[in-house]
Amino acid sequence: MPGLDPTVGREPLHRRSIEIHGYKRADGLFDIEGHLVDTKPVDFKLTAGVRPAGVPIHDMWLRITVDRELHIVDAAAAMDGMPYVGYCDRIVPAYRALVGMAIRPGFHVRLKEVLGGVRGCTHITELAGSLATAAFQTLAGQRVQDPSRKPFQLDRCHALDVRSPVVGKYHPRWYKGTEPVEPAAEEDHH
């Protein structure tokens, strides 16, 4: 079954699309750019007025630029659609506060401290958390992994728990489980 099939009839009420792209720049840095769009399939009454069906309620962008060590060296936000034009978009410059942060354990906590609640836009701050995760994927294969250091992805999800047979198979040096596991053949690693 691809995706999730509905179990009962249903009526669409809301659509949120989030698209994230990672780029290698000509200067050796990396741009991670996210776009969040919220729409309704029917005319929707906001406090500030009616938004016609299909016209974005939120149409927001965030780009972070990172170096190879995942330090954020630049950040920019933009709002093309928002509920309160002239008010929501006033927070856009606040996202420069991402500059200087490093994407490391604790990043999401720091993000909420700096840009959570009234210090930021709920939607762009949520997008920032997703961009941080996408930064790891963007840099995958762009950095040389030090073989003496535990791979960064271990212990970050249930499949890559160091006690998991997956780790035993693909990262046997770091395996802490008790189940006997046959390491993968070298060609399985690629």
Protein backbone atom coordinates (compact mmCIF):
# COMPACT_ATOMS: atom_id res chain seq x y z
CA MET A 1 0.00 0.00 0.00
CA PRO A 2 1.66 3.29 -1.03
CA GLY A 3 1.07 5.98 1.58
CA LEU A 4 -2.04 5.81 3.72
CA ASP A 5 -5.42 4.90 2.29
CA PRO A 6 -8.39 6.56 4.02
CA THR A 7 -10.50 4.21 6.11
CA VAL A 8 -13.72 6.25 5.77
CA GLY A 9 -15.05 8.96 3.47
CA ARG A 10 -13.68 12.39 4.22
CA GLU A 11 -13.81 16.01 3.09
CA PRO A 12 -10.61 18.05 2.54
CA LEU A 13 -10.35 21.06 4.87
CA HIS A 14 -6.70 22.13 4.80
CA ARG A 15 -3.48 21.57 2.87
CA ARG A 16 0.00 22.32 4.14
CA SER A 17 2.88 21.83 1.75
CA ILE A 18 6.46 21.98 2.93
CA GLU A 19 9.23 21.73 0.40
CA ILE A 20 12.91 21.80 1.33
CA HIS A 21 15.87 21.91 -1.04
CA GLY A 22 19.57 21.65 -0.23
CA TYR A 23 22.19 23.24 -2.48
CA LYS A 24 25.96 23.27 -2.67
CA ARG A 25 27.06 26.81 -3.41
CA ALA A 26 29.95 27.89 -5.63
CA ASP A 27 31.73 29.31 -2.55
CA GLY A 28 31.78 25.90 -0.80
CA LEU A 29 28.92 26.67 1.58
CA PHE A 30 25.49 25.03 1.55
CA ASP A 31 22.04 26.62 1.31
CA ILE A 32 19.08 24.83 2.84
CA GLU A 33 15.87 26.49 1.67
CA GLY A 34 12.35 25.76 2.86
CA HIS A 35 8.95 26.88 1.62
CA LEU A 36 5.73 26.41 3.62
CA VAL A 37 2.30 26.97 2.04
CA ASP A 38 -1.10 26.61 3.76
CA THR A 39 -4.28 26.69 1.64
CA LYS A 40 -7.97 25.90 2.07
CA PRO A 41 -10.16 24.28 -0.62
CA VAL A 42 -12.96 26.79 0.07
CA ASP A 43 -13.14 30.51 0.76
CA PHE A 44 -11.89 30.95 4.32
CA LYS A 45 -12.84 33.72 6.72
CA LEU A 46 -9.88 35.12 8.59
CA THR A 47 -10.21 37.89 11.16
CA ALA A 48 -8.46 40.15 8.64
CA GLY A 49 -10.82 39.19 5.80
CA VAL A 50 -11.82 36.34 3.49
CA ARG A 51 -9.06 34.38 1.78
CA PRO A 52 -10.37 32.85 -1.48
CA ALA A 53 -10.12 29.08 -1.96
CA GLY A 54 -6.63 28.04 -3.02
CA VAL A 55 -5.02 31.40 -2.18
CA PRO A 56 -2.32 30.80 0.46
CA ILE A 57 -3.03 31.78 4.03
CA HIS A 58 0.65 31.20 4.76
CA ASP A 59 3.31 31.37 2.02
CA MET A 60 6.60 31.57 3.84
CA TRP A 61 10.27 30.98 3.12
CA LEU A 62 13.39 30.39 5.15
CA ARG A 63 16.94 29.86 3.93
CA ILE A 64 19.92 29.02 6.09
CA THR A 65 23.48 28.89 4.82
CA VAL A 66 25.79 26.46 6.62
CA ASP A 67 29.44 25.52 6.45
CA ARG A 68 30.75 21.94 6.46
CA GLU A 69 30.62 21.87 10.28
CA LEU A 70 26.93 22.88 10.21
CA HIS A 71 27.47 26.37 11.60
CA ILE A 72 24.80 28.74 10.31
CA VAL A 73 26.66 31.59 8.59
CA ASP A 74 23.66 33.31 7.00
CA ALA A 75 19.87 33.24 7.27
CA ALA A 76 17.00 34.94 5.47
CA ALA A 77 13.22 34.70 5.79
CA ALA A 78 10.41 36.00 3.57
CA MET A 79 6.63 36.02 3.65
CA ASP A 80 4.68 36.13 0.39
CA GLY A 81 1.38 35.26 2.09
CA MET A 82 0.26 35.75 5.70
CA PRO A 83 -2.95 36.31 7.66
CA TYR A 84 -2.02 39.84 8.83
CA VAL A 85 -0.22 41.65 6.02
CA GLY A 86 2.02 44.37 7.38
CA TYR A 87 2.13 42.74 10.82
CA CYS A 88 3.18 39.10 10.44
CA ASP A 89 6.02 40.09 8.13
CA ARG A 90 7.54 42.46 10.70
CA ILE A 91 9.20 39.43 12.33
CA VAL A 92 11.17 38.45 9.20
CA PRO A 93 14.40 40.24 10.30
CA ALA A 94 14.40 38.28 13.59
CA TYR A 95 15.52 35.18 11.71
CA ARG A 96 18.99 36.71 11.34
CA ALA A 97 19.34 35.44 14.95
CA LEU A 98 20.00 32.00 13.47
CA VAL A 99 23.40 33.23 12.28
CA GLY A 100 26.07 31.89 14.61
CA MET A 101 24.06 28.89 15.80
CA ALA A 102 25.44 25.42 15.19
CA ILE A 103 23.19 22.52 14.20
CA ARG A 104 24.05 20.13 17.02
CA PRO A 105 22.21 18.32 19.79
CA GLY A 106 20.20 20.98 21.60
CA PHE A 107 19.63 23.06 18.45
CA HIS A 108 15.83 22.73 18.65
CA VAL A 109 15.83 23.83 22.31
CA ARG A 110 17.97 26.87 21.45
CA LEU A 111 15.74 27.63 18.45
CA LYS A 112 12.67 27.79 20.70
CA GLU A 113 14.52 29.99 23.22
CA VAL A 114 15.54 32.49 20.54
CA LEU A 115 12.58 32.40 18.11
CA GLY A 116 9.75 30.60 19.93
CA GLY A 117 6.43 32.17 20.85
CA VAL A 118 6.16 35.92 20.26
CA ARG A 119 9.89 36.14 19.43
CA GLY A 120 9.19 34.61 16.01
CA CYS A 121 6.59 33.26 13.64
CA THR A 122 5.27 29.83 14.62
CA HIS A 123 5.40 28.61 11.01
CA ILE A 124 8.89 29.85 10.15
CA THR A 125 10.31 28.63 13.46
CA GLU A 126 8.86 25.16 12.81
CA LEU A 127 10.36 25.32 9.31
CA ALA A 128 13.75 26.18 10.84
CA GLY A 129 13.70 22.91 12.76
CA SER A 130 13.01 20.98 9.57
CA LEU A 131 15.80 22.83 7.75
CA ALA A 132 18.25 21.76 10.44
CA THR A 133 17.37 18.11 9.86
CA ALA A 134 17.57 18.59 6.09
CA ALA A 135 21.04 20.13 6.50
CA PHE A 136 22.34 16.73 7.65
CA GLN A 137 20.84 15.11 4.55
CA THR A 138 22.26 17.84 2.30
CA LEU A 139 25.77 17.35 3.63
CA ALA A 140 25.57 13.54 3.53
CA GLY A 141 28.42 12.47 1.30
CA GLN A 142 29.92 15.97 1.29
CA ARG A 143 32.06 15.44 4.37
CA VAL A 144 34.63 12.76 5.07
CA GLN A 145 33.57 10.70 8.08
CA ASP A 146 36.39 10.21 10.59
CA PRO A 147 36.43 6.39 11.01
CA SER A 148 37.50 6.75 14.64
CA ARG A 149 34.37 8.76 15.54
CA LYS A 150 30.90 7.33 16.02
CA PRO A 151 28.78 8.19 12.94
CA PHE A 152 26.53 11.16 13.76
CA GLN A 153 23.32 9.36 12.76
CA LEU A 154 23.68 6.59 15.35
CA ASP A 155 21.33 6.87 18.35
CA ARG A 156 19.22 9.48 16.52
CA CYS A 157 16.30 7.18 15.56
CA HIS A 158 15.00 3.78 16.63
CA ALA A 159 16.48 1.89 13.66
CA LEU A 160 19.93 3.33 14.36
CA ASP A 161 19.91 2.68 18.12
CA VAL A 162 23.37 1.21 18.79
CA ARG A 163 21.58 -1.85 20.23
CA SER A 164 19.74 -2.41 16.93
CA PRO A 165 20.69 -5.25 14.55
CA VAL A 166 20.84 -2.61 11.78
CA VAL A 167 23.82 -1.04 13.55
CA GLY A 168 25.30 -4.50 14.05
CA LYS A 169 25.04 -5.14 10.32
CA TYR A 170 26.15 -1.77 8.90
CA HIS A 171 28.20 -0.25 11.75
CA PRO A 172 29.51 -3.31 13.64
CA ARG A 173 32.22 -1.33 15.46
CA TRP A 174 29.53 0.67 17.28
CA TYR A 175 27.08 -2.19 17.91
CA LYS A 176 26.08 -2.61 21.59
CA GLY A 177 23.23 -5.09 21.13
CA THR A 178 23.16 -8.68 22.31
CA GLU A 179 21.64 -10.30 19.21
CA PRO A 180 24.22 -11.98 16.96
CA VAL A 181 24.39 -10.11 13.65
CA GLU A 182 26.29 -10.85 10.47
CA PRO A 183 28.03 -7.67 9.21
CA ALA A 184 26.99 -6.52 5.74
CA ALA A 185 29.12 -7.28 2.73
CA GLU A 186 31.13 -4.25 1.59
CA GLU A 187 28.90 -3.70 -1.46
CA ASP A 188 25.83 -3.44 0.84
CA HIS A 189 27.24 -0.21 2.29
CA HIS A 190 26.81 1.76 -0.94
